[in-house]
C-alpha atoms as a PDB file:
ATOM      1  CA  MET A   1     -17.805-154.414-128.658  1.00  0.00           C
ATOM      2  CA  ARG A   2     -17.926-156.332-132.068  1.00  0.00           C
ATOM      3  CA  GLU A   3     -14.730-157.066-133.701  1.00  0.00           C
ATOM      4  CA  VAL A   4     -13.316-155.409-136.544  1.00  0.00           C
ATOM      5  CA  ALA A   5     -10.157-156.283-138.762  1.00  0.00           C
ATOM      6  CA  ILE A   6      -8.374-155.045-141.649  1.00  0.00           C
ATOM      7  CA  VAL A   7      -9.119-157.651-144.372  1.00  0.00           C
ATOM      8  CA  ALA A   8      -7.465-156.179-147.401  1.00  0.00           C
ATOM      9  CA  PHE A   9      -4.611-153.516-148.026  1.00  0.00           C
ATOM     10  CA  GLY A  10      -3.545-152.045-151.730  1.00  0.00           C
ATOM     11  CA  GLN A  11      -1.086-149.092-152.394  1.00  0.00           C
ATOM     12  CA  SER A  12       0.139-147.506-155.133  1.00  0.00           C
ATOM     13  CA  ASP A  13       3.542-147.039-156.925  1.00  0.00           C
ATOM     14  CA  HIS A  14       5.271-143.998-154.870  1.00  0.00           C
ATOM     15  CA  VAL A  15       6.738-141.753-157.550  1.00  0.00           C
ATOM     16  CA  ARG A  16       8.476-138.473-156.994  1.00  0.00           C
ATOM     17  CA  ASP A  17       6.281-136.624-159.683  1.00  0.00           C
ATOM     18  CA  SER A  18       2.566-137.806-161.122  1.00  0.00           C
ATOM     19  CA  ALA A  19       2.234-134.637-162.828  1.00  0.00           C
ATOM     20  CA  GLN A  20       0.560-136.566-165.675  1.00  0.00           C
ATOM     21  CA  THR A  21      -1.668-138.393-163.456  1.00  0.00           C
ATOM     22  CA  SER A  22      -4.606-137.254-162.019  1.00  0.00           C
ATOM     23  CA  GLU A  23      -5.980-138.299-158.437  1.00  0.00           C
ATOM     24  CA  VAL A  24      -8.624-140.566-159.842  1.00  0.00           C
ATOM     25  CA  GLU A  25      -5.940-142.053-162.444  1.00  0.00           C
ATOM     26  CA  MET A  26      -3.814-142.688-158.902  1.00  0.00           C
ATOM     27  CA  LEU A  27      -6.705-144.138-156.759  1.00  0.00           C
ATOM     28  CA  MET A  28      -8.633-146.232-159.371  1.00  0.00           C
ATOM     29  CA  PRO A  29      -6.191-149.039-159.588  1.00  0.00           C
ATOM     30  CA  VAL A  30      -5.774-149.506-155.574  1.00  0.00           C
ATOM     31  CA  LEU A  31      -9.522-149.122-155.392  1.00  0.00           C
ATOM     32  CA  HIS A  32     -10.139-152.019-157.891  1.00  0.00           C
ATOM     33  CA  ASP A  33      -7.360-154.109-156.229  1.00  0.00           C
ATOM     34  CA  VAL A  34      -8.377-154.314-152.830  1.00  0.00           C
ATOM     35  CA  LEU A  35     -12.236-154.782-153.874  1.00  0.00           C
ATOM     36  CA  ARG A  36     -11.021-157.498-156.325  1.00  0.00           C
ATOM     37  CA  ARG A  37      -9.083-159.516-153.525  1.00  0.00           C
ATOM     38  CA  THR A  38     -12.162-159.381-151.133  1.00  0.00           C
ATOM     39  CA  GLY A  39     -14.829-160.388-153.834  1.00  0.00           C
ATOM     40  CA  LEU A  40     -16.891-157.288-153.119  1.00  0.00           C
ATOM     41  CA  ARG A  41     -18.193-154.687-155.235  1.00  0.00           C
ATOM     42  CA  THR A  42     -18.898-150.807-154.399  1.00  0.00           C
ATOM     43  CA  ARG A  43     -22.393-151.320-153.880  1.00  0.00           C
ATOM     44  CA  ASP A  44     -21.643-153.939-151.016  1.00  0.00           C
ATOM     45  CA  ILE A  45     -19.573-151.545-148.974  1.00  0.00           C
ATOM     46  CA  GLY A  46     -21.506-150.089-145.849  1.00  0.00           C
ATOM     47  CA  PHE A  47     -19.259-146.832-145.550  1.00  0.00           C
ATOM     48  CA  THR A  48     -16.674-145.325-147.374  1.00  0.00           C
ATOM     49  CA  CYS A  49     -14.062-142.848-145.677  1.00  0.00           C
ATOM     50  CA  SER A  50     -10.969-140.895-147.080  1.00  0.00           C
ATOM     51  CA  GLY A  51      -8.294-138.889-146.210  1.00  0.00           C
ATOM     52  CA  SER A  52      -6.301-135.902-147.973  1.00  0.00           C
ATOM     53  CA  SER A  53      -5.644-132.428-148.261  1.00  0.00           C
ATOM     54  CA  ASP A  54      -6.954-129.457-150.277  1.00  0.00           C
ATOM     55  CA  TYR A  55      -3.868-127.253-149.574  1.00  0.00           C
ATOM     56  CA  LEU A  56      -1.848-130.343-151.310  1.00  0.00           C
ATOM     57  CA  ALA A  57      -4.224-130.407-154.071  1.00  0.00           C
ATOM     58  CA  GLY A  58      -4.201-126.296-154.182  1.00  0.00           C
ATOM     59  CA  ARG A  59      -8.351-126.366-154.676  1.00  0.00           C
ATOM     60  CA  ALA A  60     -11.043-126.880-152.254  1.00  0.00           C
ATOM     61  CA  PHE A  61     -13.296-129.593-152.042  1.00  0.00           C
ATOM     62  CA  SER A  62     -10.665-131.572-153.906  1.00  0.00           C
ATOM     63  CA  PHE A  63     -11.638-135.067-152.262  1.00  0.00           C
ATOM     64  CA  THR A  64     -15.119-134.673-154.262  1.00  0.00           C
ATOM     65  CA  MET A  65     -13.696-135.532-157.334  1.00  0.00           C
ATOM     66  CA  ALA A  66     -11.772-138.661-156.344  1.00  0.00           C
ATOM     67  CA  LEU A  67     -14.750-140.241-155.345  1.00  0.00           C
ATOM     68  CA  ASP A  68     -15.481-140.585-158.990  1.00  0.00           C
ATOM     69  CA  GLY A  69     -12.668-143.274-158.164  1.00  0.00           C
ATOM     70  CA  VAL A  70     -15.041-145.110-155.820  1.00  0.00           C
ATOM     71  CA  GLY A  71     -18.542-144.223-157.346  1.00  0.00           C
ATOM     72  CA  ALA A  72     -20.959-142.256-155.937  1.00  0.00           C
ATOM     73  CA  TRP A  73     -23.915-143.347-157.883  1.00  0.00           C
ATOM     74  CA  PRO A  74     -26.230-145.109-156.740  1.00  0.00           C
ATOM     75  CA  PRO A  75     -25.850-142.870-153.803  1.00  0.00           C
ATOM     76  CA  ILE A  76     -23.301-144.208-150.693  1.00  0.00           C
ATOM     77  CA  SER A  77     -22.236-143.619-147.189  1.00  0.00           C
ATOM     78  CA  GLU A  78     -19.340-141.491-147.220  1.00  0.00           C
ATOM     79  CA  SER A  79     -17.106-139.074-144.855  1.00  0.00           C
ATOM     80  CA  HIS A  80     -13.914-137.493-145.381  1.00  0.00           C
ATOM     81  CA  VAL A  81     -11.049-136.213-142.814  1.00  0.00           C
ATOM     82  CA  GLU A  82      -8.685-133.493-143.912  1.00  0.00           C
ATOM     83  CA  THR A  83      -5.849-135.264-142.616  1.00  0.00           C
ATOM     84  CA  ASP A  84      -3.888-138.696-143.210  1.00  0.00           C
ATOM     85  CA  GLY A  85      -6.124-141.107-144.053  1.00  0.00           C
ATOM     86  CA  ALA A  86      -5.168-142.856-140.737  1.00  0.00           C
ATOM     87  CA  TRP A  87      -7.643-141.126-139.132  1.00  0.00           C
ATOM     88  CA  ALA A  88     -10.253-141.759-141.768  1.00  0.00           C
ATOM     89  CA  LEU A  89      -9.775-145.535-140.941  1.00  0.00           C
ATOM     90  CA  TYR A  90     -10.455-144.815-137.258  1.00  0.00           C
ATOM     91  CA  GLU A  91     -13.596-142.952-138.583  1.00  0.00           C
ATOM     92  CA  ALA A  92     -14.712-146.251-140.232  1.00  0.00           C
ATOM     93  CA  TRP A  93     -13.885-148.369-137.200  1.00  0.00           C
ATOM     94  CA  VAL A  94     -16.175-146.778-135.110  1.00  0.00           C
ATOM     95  CA  LYS A  95     -18.713-146.954-137.743  1.00  0.00           C
ATOM     96  CA  LEU A  96     -18.484-150.618-137.655  1.00  0.00           C
ATOM     97  CA  LEU A  97     -18.169-150.766-133.868  1.00  0.00           C
ATOM     98  CA  THR A  98     -21.507-149.330-133.702  1.00  0.00           C
ATOM     99  CA  GLY A  99     -22.959-151.650-136.254  1.00  0.00           C
ATOM    100  CA  GLU A 100     -23.812-148.837-138.660  1.00  0.00           C
ATOM    101  CA  ALA A 101     -22.065-151.043-141.655  1.00  0.00           C
ATOM    102  CA  ASP A 102     -20.358-154.601-141.586  1.00  0.00           C
ATOM    103  CA  THR A 103     -17.682-153.379-144.055  1.00  0.00           C
ATOM    104  CA  ALA A 104     -16.099-150.131-145.009  1.00  0.00           C
ATOM    105  CA  LEU A 105     -13.636-149.084-147.743  1.00  0.00           C
ATOM    106  CA  VAL A 106     -11.187-146.257-146.366  1.00  0.00           C
ATOM    107  CA  TYR A 107      -8.593-144.711-148.958  1.00  0.00           C
ATOM    108  CA  ALA A 108      -5.930-141.982-148.831  1.00  0.00           C
ATOM    109  CA  TYR A 109      -3.981-140.339-151.434  1.00  0.00           C
ATOM    110  CA  GLY A 110      -1.357-137.202-151.200  1.00  0.00           C
ATOM    111  CA  LYS A 111       0.549-135.819-154.130  1.00  0.00           C
ATOM    112  CA  SER A 112       3.205-133.155-152.994  1.00  0.00           C
ATOM    113  CA  SER A 113       5.167-132.704-156.007  1.00  0.00           C
ATOM    114  CA  PRO A 114       3.071-129.769-157.824  1.00  0.00           C
ATOM    115  CA  GLY A 115       4.132-127.583-155.138  1.00  0.00           C
ATOM    116  CA  ASP A 116       6.829-127.016-152.555  1.00  0.00           C
ATOM    117  CA  LEU A 117       5.756-129.087-149.631  1.00  0.00           C
ATOM    118  CA  ARG A 118       7.925-127.998-147.057  1.00  0.00           C
ATOM    119  CA  GLU A 119       6.272-124.342-147.481  1.00  0.00           C
ATOM    120  CA  VAL A 120       2.679-125.535-147.735  1.00  0.00           C
ATOM    121  CA  LEU A 121       3.147-127.841-144.187  1.00  0.00           C
ATOM    122  CA  THR A 122       3.878-124.307-142.639  1.00  0.00           C
ATOM    123  CA  ARG A 123       0.111-123.833-142.440  1.00  0.00           C
ATOM    124  CA  GLN A 124      -0.265-126.302-140.046  1.00  0.00           C
ATOM    125  CA  LEU A 125       1.561-123.940-137.226  1.00  0.00           C
ATOM    126  CA  ASP A 126       0.112-121.204-134.487  1.00  0.00           C
ATOM    127  CA  PRO A 127      -1.131-118.563-137.150  1.00  0.00           C
ATOM    128  CA  TYR A 128       0.101-115.876-134.546  1.00  0.00           C
ATOM    129  CA  TYR A 129       3.525-116.762-133.316  1.00  0.00           C
ATOM    130  CA  LEU A 130       4.942-119.413-135.410  1.00  0.00           C
ATOM    131  CA  ALA A 131       3.741-119.111-138.742  1.00  0.00           C
ATOM    132  CA  PRO A 132       4.578-115.648-139.401  1.00  0.00           C
ATOM    133  CA  LEU A 133       8.152-116.544-139.025  1.00  0.00           C
ATOM    134  CA  TRP A 134       7.819-119.413-141.957  1.00  0.00           C
ATOM    135  CA  PRO A 135       9.487-122.166-140.226  1.00  0.00           C
ATOM    136  CA  ASP A 136       9.379-125.201-142.628  1.00  0.00           C
ATOM    137  CA  SER A 137       8.945-128.883-141.470  1.00  0.00           C
ATOM    138  CA  VAL A 138      12.321-129.734-142.262  1.00  0.00           C
ATOM    139  CA  ALA A 139      13.743-126.651-139.385  1.00  0.00           C
ATOM    140  CA  LEU A 140      11.243-127.774-137.213  1.00  0.00           C
ATOM    141  CA  ALA A 141      12.473-131.403-137.274  1.00  0.00           C
ATOM    142  CA  ALA A 142      16.128-130.221-137.185  1.00  0.00           C
ATOM    143  CA  LEU A 143      15.086-128.376-133.809  1.00  0.00           C
ATOM    144  CA  GLN A 144      13.651-132.013-132.358  1.00  0.00           C
ATOM    145  CA  ALA A 145      16.563-133.416-134.117  1.00  0.00           C
ATOM    146  CA  GLN A 146      19.016-131.191-132.165  1.00  0.00           C
ATOM    147  CA  ALA A 147      17.106-131.353-128.835  1.00  0.00           C
ATOM    148  CA  LEU A 148      17.520-135.055-128.514  1.00  0.00           C
ATOM    149  CA  ILE A 149      21.466-134.973-129.450  1.00  0.00           C
ATOM    150  CA  ASP A 150      22.112-132.170-126.976  1.00  0.00           C
ATOM    151  CA  ALA A 151      20.073-134.480-124.415  1.00  0.00           C
ATOM    152  CA  GLY A 152      22.418-137.097-125.266  1.00  0.00           C
ATOM    153  CA  ARG A 153      19.431-139.521-126.337  1.00  0.00           C
ATOM    154  CA  THR A 154      21.127-139.871-129.936  1.00  0.00           C
ATOM    155  CA  ASP A 155      23.624-138.820-132.465  1.00  0.00           C
ATOM    156  CA  GLU A 156      24.384-138.375-135.986  1.00  0.00           C
ATOM    157  CA  ALA A 157      25.522-141.942-136.525  1.00  0.00           C
ATOM    158  CA  GLU A 158      22.645-143.540-134.984  1.00  0.00           C
ATOM    159  CA  LEU A 159      20.351-141.479-137.246  1.00  0.00           C
ATOM    160  CA  ALA A 160      22.338-142.678-140.055  1.00  0.00           C
ATOM    161  CA  ALA A 161      21.681-146.202-138.978  1.00  0.00           C
ATOM    162  CA  ILE A 162      17.983-145.866-139.129  1.00  0.00           C
ATOM    163  CA  ALA A 163      17.855-144.587-142.511  1.00  0.00           C
ATOM    164  CA  ASP A 164      20.071-147.139-143.819  1.00  0.00           C
ATOM    165  CA  ARG A 165      18.081-149.923-141.971  1.00  0.00           C
ATOM    166  CA  ASP A 166      14.848-148.742-143.544  1.00  0.00           C
ATOM    167  CA  ARG A 167      15.946-148.184-146.919  1.00  0.00           C
ATOM    168  CA  THR A 168      17.637-151.807-146.868  1.00  0.00           C
ATOM    169  CA  ALA A 169      14.433-153.055-145.847  1.00  0.00           C
ATOM    170  CA  ALA A 170      12.476-151.450-148.887  1.00  0.00           C
ATOM    171  CA  ALA A 171      15.009-152.669-151.191  1.00  0.00           C
ATOM    172  CA  THR A 172      12.809-155.585-152.202  1.00  0.00           C
ATOM    173  CA  HIS A 173       9.444-153.947-151.746  1.00  0.00           C
ATOM    174  CA  PRO A 174       7.535-153.404-155.162  1.00  0.00           C
ATOM    175  CA  HIS A 175       6.355-149.981-154.394  1.00  0.00           C
ATOM    176  CA  ALA A 176       8.935-147.900-152.437  1.00  0.00           C
ATOM    177  CA  GLN A 177      10.254-144.789-153.662  1.00  0.00           C
ATOM    178  CA  ARG A 178      13.755-145.119-152.165  1.00  0.00           C
ATOM    179  CA  ARG A 179      15.501-148.719-152.168  1.00  0.00           C
ATOM    180  CA  GLY A 180      18.741-150.080-150.473  1.00  0.00           C
ATOM    181  CA  PRO A 181      21.668-148.195-148.488  1.00  0.00           C
ATOM    182  CA  ARG A 182      22.806-144.737-149.521  1.00  0.00           C
ATOM    183  CA  PRO A 183      25.268-142.029-148.167  1.00  0.00           C
ATOM    184  CA  ALA A 184      24.011-139.398-145.747  1.00  0.00           C
ATOM    185  CA  GLY A 185      24.203-136.682-147.623  1.00  0.00           C
ATOM    186  CA  GLU A 186      24.854-133.180-147.114  1.00  0.00           C
ATOM    187  CA  TYR A 187      23.128-131.114-144.463  1.00  0.00           C
ATOM    188  CA  VAL A 188      19.661-129.947-145.293  1.00  0.00           C
ATOM    189  CA  VAL A 189      19.157-128.065-141.754  1.00  0.00           C
ATOM    190  CA  ALA A 190      21.846-129.289-139.689  1.00  0.00           C
ATOM    191  CA  PRO A 191      21.725-131.949-137.889  1.00  0.00           C
ATOM    192  CA  LEU A 192      19.517-133.545-140.372  1.00  0.00           C
ATOM    193  CA  ARG A 193      21.254-134.413-143.338  1.00  0.00           C
ATOM    194  CA  THR A 194      19.422-135.713-146.746  1.00  0.00           C
ATOM    195  CA  GLY A 195      19.468-139.051-145.832  1.00  0.00           C
ATOM    196  CA  ASP A 196      17.540-138.088-142.257  1.00  0.00           C
ATOM    197  CA  CYS A 197      14.757-136.494-144.446  1.00  0.00           C
ATOM    198  CA  PRO A 198      12.109-138.493-146.324  1.00  0.00           C
ATOM    199  CA  PRO A 199      11.183-138.307-149.909  1.00  0.00           C
ATOM    200  CA  ILE A 200       8.788-136.148-151.443  1.00  0.00           C
ATOM    201  CA  GLY A 201       6.280-138.197-153.544  1.00  0.00           C
ATOM    202  CA  ASP A 202       3.038-138.890-154.843  1.00  0.00           C
ATOM    203  CA  GLY A 203       0.897-142.052-154.114  1.00  0.00           C
ATOM    204  CA  ALA A 204      -2.261-143.476-152.401  1.00  0.00           C
ATOM    205  CA  ALA A 205      -3.103-146.448-150.491  1.00  0.00           C
ATOM    206  CA  ALA A 206      -6.627-148.400-149.342  1.00  0.00           C
ATOM    207  CA  VAL A 207      -7.825-150.416-146.863  1.00  0.00           C
ATOM    208  CA  ILE A 208     -11.063-152.436-146.280  1.00  0.00           C
ATOM    209  CA  LEU A 209     -12.386-153.175-143.214  1.00  0.00           C
ATOM    210  CA  ALA A 210     -15.021-156.094-142.079  1.00  0.00           C
ATOM    211  CA  ALA A 211     -16.524-156.988-138.398  1.00  0.00           C
ATOM    212  CA  GLY A 212     -16.815-160.080-136.979  1.00  0.00           C
ATOM    213  CA  ASP A 213     -17.729-163.175-139.226  1.00  0.00           C
ATOM    214  CA  THR A 214     -17.642-161.350-142.247  1.00  0.00           C
ATOM    215  CA  ALA A 215     -14.281-160.248-141.795  1.00  0.00           C
ATOM    216  CA  ARG A 216     -13.660-164.265-141.205  1.00  0.00           C
ATOM    217  CA  ARG A 217     -15.297-164.837-144.104  1.00  0.00           C
ATOM    218  CA  LEU A 218     -13.523-162.352-146.597  1.00  0.00           C
ATOM    219  CA  ALA A 219      -9.971-163.129-145.286  1.00  0.00           C
ATOM    220  CA  ALA A 220     -10.653-166.969-145.810  1.00  0.00           C
ATOM    221  CA  ALA A 221     -11.628-166.295-149.437  1.00  0.00           C
ATOM    222  CA  GLN A 222      -8.021-165.188-150.032  1.00  0.00           C
ATOM    223  CA  GLY A 223      -6.672-167.799-147.988  1.00  0.00           C
ATOM    224  CA  ARG A 224      -5.354-165.313-145.217  1.00  0.00           C
ATOM    225  CA  ARG A 225      -6.600-164.262-141.646  1.00  0.00           C
ATOM    226  CA  PRO A 226      -8.122-161.265-140.635  1.00  0.00           C
ATOM    227  CA  ALA A 227      -6.144-158.251-138.929  1.00  0.00           C
ATOM    228  CA  TRP A 228      -7.925-157.813-135.723  1.00  0.00           C
ATOM    229  CA  ILE A 229      -7.590-154.396-134.411  1.00  0.00           C
ATOM    230  CA  ARG A 230      -7.585-155.043-130.924  1.00  0.00           C
ATOM    231  CA  GLY A 231      -7.284-151.289-129.996  1.00  0.00           C
ATOM    232  CA  LEU A 232      -6.642-147.978-131.691  1.00  0.00           C
ATOM    233  CA  ASP A 233      -6.222-144.384-130.098  1.00  0.00           C
ATOM    234  CA  HIS A 234      -5.010-140.782-131.310  1.00  0.00           C
ATOM    235  CA  ARG A 235      -4.172-138.200-128.985  1.00  0.00           C
ATOM    236  CA  ILE A 236      -2.913-134.441-129.568  1.00  0.00           C
ATOM    237  CA  GLU A 237      -0.136-132.596-128.341  1.00  0.00           C
ATOM    238  CA  ALA A 238      -0.284-128.927-127.158  1.00  0.00           C
ATOM    239  CA  HIS A 239      -0.270-126.530-130.379  1.00  0.00           C
ATOM    240  CA  SER A 240       2.635-124.291-129.383  1.00  0.00           C
ATOM    241  CA  LEU A 241       6.201-126.000-130.019  1.00  0.00           C
ATOM    242  CA  GLY A 242       7.309-123.579-127.080  1.00  0.00           C
ATOM    243  CA  VAL A 243       5.296-125.257-124.224  1.00  0.00           C
ATOM    244  CA  ARG A 244       6.338-128.706-125.492  1.00  0.00           C
ATOM    245  CA  ASP A 245       9.258-131.072-124.334  1.00  0.00           C
ATOM    246  CA  LEU A 246      10.223-132.459-128.254  1.00  0.00           C
ATOM    247  CA  THR A 247      12.499-135.123-126.755  1.00  0.00           C
ATOM    248  CA  ASP A 248       9.516-136.914-125.434  1.00  0.00           C
ATOM    249  CA  SER A 249       5.852-137.942-126.749  1.00  0.00           C
ATOM    250  CA  PRO A 250       3.284-138.189-124.317  1.00  0.00           C
ATOM    251  CA  SER A 251       0.480-138.136-126.937  1.00  0.00           C
ATOM    252  CA  THR A 252       1.909-141.467-128.217  1.00  0.00           C
ATOM    253  CA  ARG A 253       2.238-142.856-125.098  1.00  0.00           C
ATOM    254  CA  LEU A 254      -1.013-142.059-123.734  1.00  0.00           C
ATOM    255  CA  ALA A 255      -2.677-143.442-127.120  1.00  0.00           C
ATOM    256  CA  ALA A 256      -0.499-146.697-126.782  1.00  0.00           C
ATOM    257  CA  GLU A 257      -1.917-147.126-123.109  1.00  0.00           C
ATOM    258  CA  ARG A 258      -5.474-146.460-124.309  1.00  0.00           C
ATOM    259  CA  ALA A 259      -5.119-148.979-127.225  1.00  0.00           C
ATOM    260  CA  GLY A 260      -3.624-151.643-125.011  1.00  0.00           C
ATOM    261  CA  ALA A 261      -0.033-151.774-126.657  1.00  0.00           C
ATOM    262  CA  PHE A 262       1.647-152.310-123.089  1.00  0.00           C
ATOM    263  CA  ARG A 263      -0.455-155.096-122.275  1.00  0.00           C
ATOM    264  CA  ARG A 264       1.874-157.995-124.255  1.00  0.00           C
ATOM    265  CA  PRO A 265       4.925-157.259-126.381  1.00  0.00           C
ATOM    266  CA  VAL A 266       4.280-156.934-129.889  1.00  0.00           C
ATOM    267  CA  ASP A 267       6.674-158.695-132.490  1.00  0.00           C
ATOM    268  CA  THR A 268       6.493-155.690-135.245  1.00  0.00           C
ATOM    269  CA  ALA A 269       6.284-151.935-135.179  1.00  0.00           C
ATOM    270  CA  GLU A 270       5.369-149.841-138.230  1.00  0.00           C
ATOM    271  CA  LEU A 271       6.121-146.277-137.282  1.00  0.00           C
ATOM    272  CA  HIS A 272       5.247-142.993-139.007  1.00  0.00           C
ATOM    273  CA  ALA A 273       8.719-141.331-138.482  1.00  0.00           C
ATOM    274  CA  PRO A 274       8.991-138.997-141.623  1.00  0.00           C
ATOM    275  CA  PHE A 275      12.608-137.645-139.581  1.00  0.00           C
ATOM    276  CA  THR A 276      14.918-140.476-138.602  1.00  0.00           C
ATOM    277  CA  SER A 277      14.803-138.485-135.181  1.00  0.00           C
ATOM    278  CA  GLN A 278      11.620-139.120-134.760  1.00  0.00           C
ATOM    279  CA  GLU A 279      11.861-142.697-134.857  1.00  0.00           C
ATOM    280  CA  VAL A 280      13.767-142.164-131.594  1.00  0.00           C
ATOM    281  CA  VAL A 281      11.355-140.411-129.775  1.00  0.00           C
ATOM    282  CA  LEU A 282       8.609-143.208-130.853  1.00  0.00           C
ATOM    283  CA  ARG A 283      11.023-145.874-129.603  1.00  0.00           C
ATOM    284  CA  ASP A 284      10.929-144.647-125.925  1.00  0.00           C
ATOM    285  CA  ALA A 285       7.295-143.380-126.142  1.00  0.00           C
ATOM    286  CA  LEU A 286       6.087-147.004-127.026  1.00  0.00           C
ATOM    287  CA  ALA A 287       8.648-148.867-125.216  1.00  0.00           C
ATOM    288  CA  LEU A 288       9.909-150.635-128.237  1.00  0.00           C
ATOM    289  CA  ASP A 289      13.203-152.721-127.664  1.00  0.00           C
ATOM    290  CA  ASP A 290      15.493-154.612-129.823  1.00  0.00           C
ATOM    291  CA  THR A 291      13.217-157.940-129.965  1.00  0.00           C
ATOM    292  CA  VAL A 292      10.659-155.963-132.107  1.00  0.00           C
ATOM    293  CA  ARG A 293      10.974-155.861-135.923  1.00  0.00           C
ATOM    294  CA  ILE A 294      10.605-152.040-136.613  1.00  0.00           C
ATOM    295  CA  ASN A 295       9.284-150.625-140.330  1.00  0.00           C
ATOM    296  CA  PRO A 296       9.973-153.714-142.025  1.00  0.00           C
ATOM    297  CA  SER A 297       8.853-152.035-144.959  1.00  0.00           C
ATOM    298  CA  GLY A 298      10.955-149.571-144.760  1.00  0.00           C
ATOM    299  CA  GLY A 299       8.488-146.982-143.216  1.00  0.00           C
ATOM    300  CA  ALA A 300       8.255-143.214-144.393  1.00  0.00           C
ATOM    301  CA  GLN A 301      11.856-143.048-145.133  1.00  0.00           C
ATOM    302  CA  ALA A 302      10.886-145.424-147.888  1.00  0.00           C
ATOM    303  CA  ALA A 303       7.770-143.629-149.315  1.00  0.00           C
ATOM    304  CA  ASN A 304       6.238-140.894-147.965  1.00  0.00           C
ATOM    305  CA  PRO A 305       3.226-139.854-149.641  1.00  0.00           C
ATOM    306  CA  VAL A 306       1.841-137.131-147.282  1.00  0.00           C
ATOM    307  CA  MET A 307      -1.835-137.996-146.116  1.00  0.00           C
ATOM    308  CA  ALA A 308      -1.065-141.887-146.876  1.00  0.00           C
ATOM    309  CA  THR A 309       1.662-142.551-145.124  1.00  0.00           C
ATOM    310  CA  GLY A 310       0.205-143.132-141.518  1.00  0.00           C
ATOM    311  CA  LEU A 311      -2.296-145.208-143.303  1.00  0.00           C
ATOM    312  CA  ILE A 312       0.330-147.414-144.866  1.00  0.00           C
ATOM    313  CA  ARG A 313       1.583-148.052-141.555  1.00  0.00           C
ATOM    314  CA  LEU A 314      -1.743-149.608-140.521  1.00  0.00           C
ATOM    315  CA  GLY A 315      -2.025-151.500-144.118  1.00  0.00           C
ATOM    316  CA  GLU A 316       1.446-152.549-143.671  1.00  0.00           C
ATOM    317  CA  ALA A 317       1.569-153.990-140.173  1.00  0.00           C
ATOM    318  CA  ALA A 318      -2.193-155.606-141.035  1.00  0.00           C
ATOM    319  CA  ASP A 319      -0.520-157.275-144.228  1.00  0.00           C
ATOM    320  CA  ARG A 320       2.275-158.767-142.308  1.00  0.00           C
ATOM    321  CA  ILE A 321      -0.495-160.642-139.737  1.00  0.00           C
ATOM    322  CA  GLN A 322      -2.556-161.257-142.542  1.00  0.00           C
ATOM    323  CA  ARG A 323      -0.233-163.687-144.266  1.00  0.00           C
ATOM    324  CA  GLY A 324       1.512-164.913-140.842  1.00  0.00           C
ATOM    325  CA  ASP A 325       4.392-163.063-140.850  1.00  0.00           C
ATOM    326  CA  SER A 326       3.393-161.379-137.654  1.00  0.00           C
ATOM    327  CA  ASP A 327       1.076-162.228-134.849  1.00  0.00           C
ATOM    328  CA  ARG A 328       0.830-158.709-132.911  1.00  0.00           C
ATOM    329  CA  ALA A 329       1.921-155.775-134.410  1.00  0.00           C
ATOM    330  CA  LEU A 330       1.749-152.120-133.633  1.00  0.00           C
ATOM    331  CA  ALA A 331       0.835-149.417-136.334  1.00  0.00           C
ATOM    332  CA  HIS A 332       1.715-145.821-135.609  1.00  0.00           C
ATOM    333  CA  ALA A 333       0.454-142.674-137.738  1.00  0.00           C
ATOM    334  CA  THR A 334       1.318-138.923-137.298  1.00  0.00           C
ATOM    335  CA  SER A 335       0.276-136.056-138.059  1.00  0.00           C
ATOM    336  CA  GLY A 336       1.454-131.924-137.577  1.00  0.00           C
ATOM    337  CA  PRO A 337       5.045-130.687-136.748  1.00  0.00           C
ATOM    338  CA  CYS A 338       7.440-132.726-134.560  1.00  0.00           C
ATOM    339  CA  LEU A 339       5.016-135.444-133.803  1.00  0.00           C
ATOM    340  CA  GLN A 340       2.165-133.227-132.736  1.00  0.00           C
ATOM    341  CA  GLN A 341      -0.844-135.577-132.944  1.00  0.00           C
ATOM    342  CA  ASN A 342      -0.055-139.042-132.612  1.00  0.00           C
ATOM    343  CA  LEU A 343      -2.377-142.301-133.829  1.00  0.00           C
ATOM    344  CA  VAL A 344      -1.498-146.056-132.325  1.00  0.00           C
ATOM    345  CA  ALA A 345      -3.307-149.152-133.230  1.00  0.00           C
ATOM    346  CA  VAL A 346      -2.948-152.517-131.940  1.00  0.00           C
ATOM    347  CA  LEU A 347      -3.265-155.872-134.429  1.00  0.00           C
ATOM    348  CA  GLU A 348      -3.567-159.331-133.672  1.00  0.00           C
ATOM    349  CA  GLY A 349      -4.184-162.512-135.813  1.00  0.00           C
ATOM    350  CA  GLU A 350      -6.041-165.430-134.950  1.00  0.00           C
ATOM    351  CA  ALA A 351      -4.379-168.754-134.196  1.00  0.00           C
END
């Protein structure tokens, strides 16, 4: 297979409310940033793929408006996924592997501020048995957290320590929405407190992929090394929460196995765990021990622009490899309630 690497990553500032900013206005600085770093122009990109959600935007085919930020004329080869941008990256990766393109632009954005995010996410649920009950995303995550506590796998003190670690790590991050340690706060839905839940915010991210010698050339132009994608896979759990063991994530484990994550140790892991309890599940599924630095960027606890958070995990892991702070990193993205669908990527740098 062809070698494919992430050669540039950029993201917007993540803010609580961007009501005065359109999707195009939010995206354009990020897109221009990654293109400028690589020296590429829009016409040099072989394939473009985006991730977003019409439900969040509140209008059908909202992603077509975002294309104004890319520039769709002259005509471009373009695609879109109605989920996190990590899955858009997967589609672009396959496109490059097949030889249909040498470069790809992947971007994602989410504006959660206009409506009630917890209510919008109920539309992901089974329409016959779960959706009519209207359990929101925090209530479902609380069920998962309580199952872990009942099984003796974690406790509230450990969950608070996870949140404290992530926000402390984000203290110097230029784009983070939450920075520095903070009190656990009041219960939102027991046993989850405000400190265990992600911030609601708006933001965008973009990466550029390139294959083979093109990747080496574009990275060298920045004085960096390519972040080679050595493996990438995604798997999904059963739709019904009632038939799943919420204390485990076999889909994450299988995706990691297929991506080659267990062949050699990783030194860094960027985990898409919006709720602190979900990190406990992911650490076990991915066999991560204390030698692995988890979420040095602060993770989803620092910024959670829905539909872009997973792509940011891949971008943050790649950025550490490009600048030499990591040699072999794991990046994870999730979609759906209680870690329903999971994507795992293994990234490596060259000596």
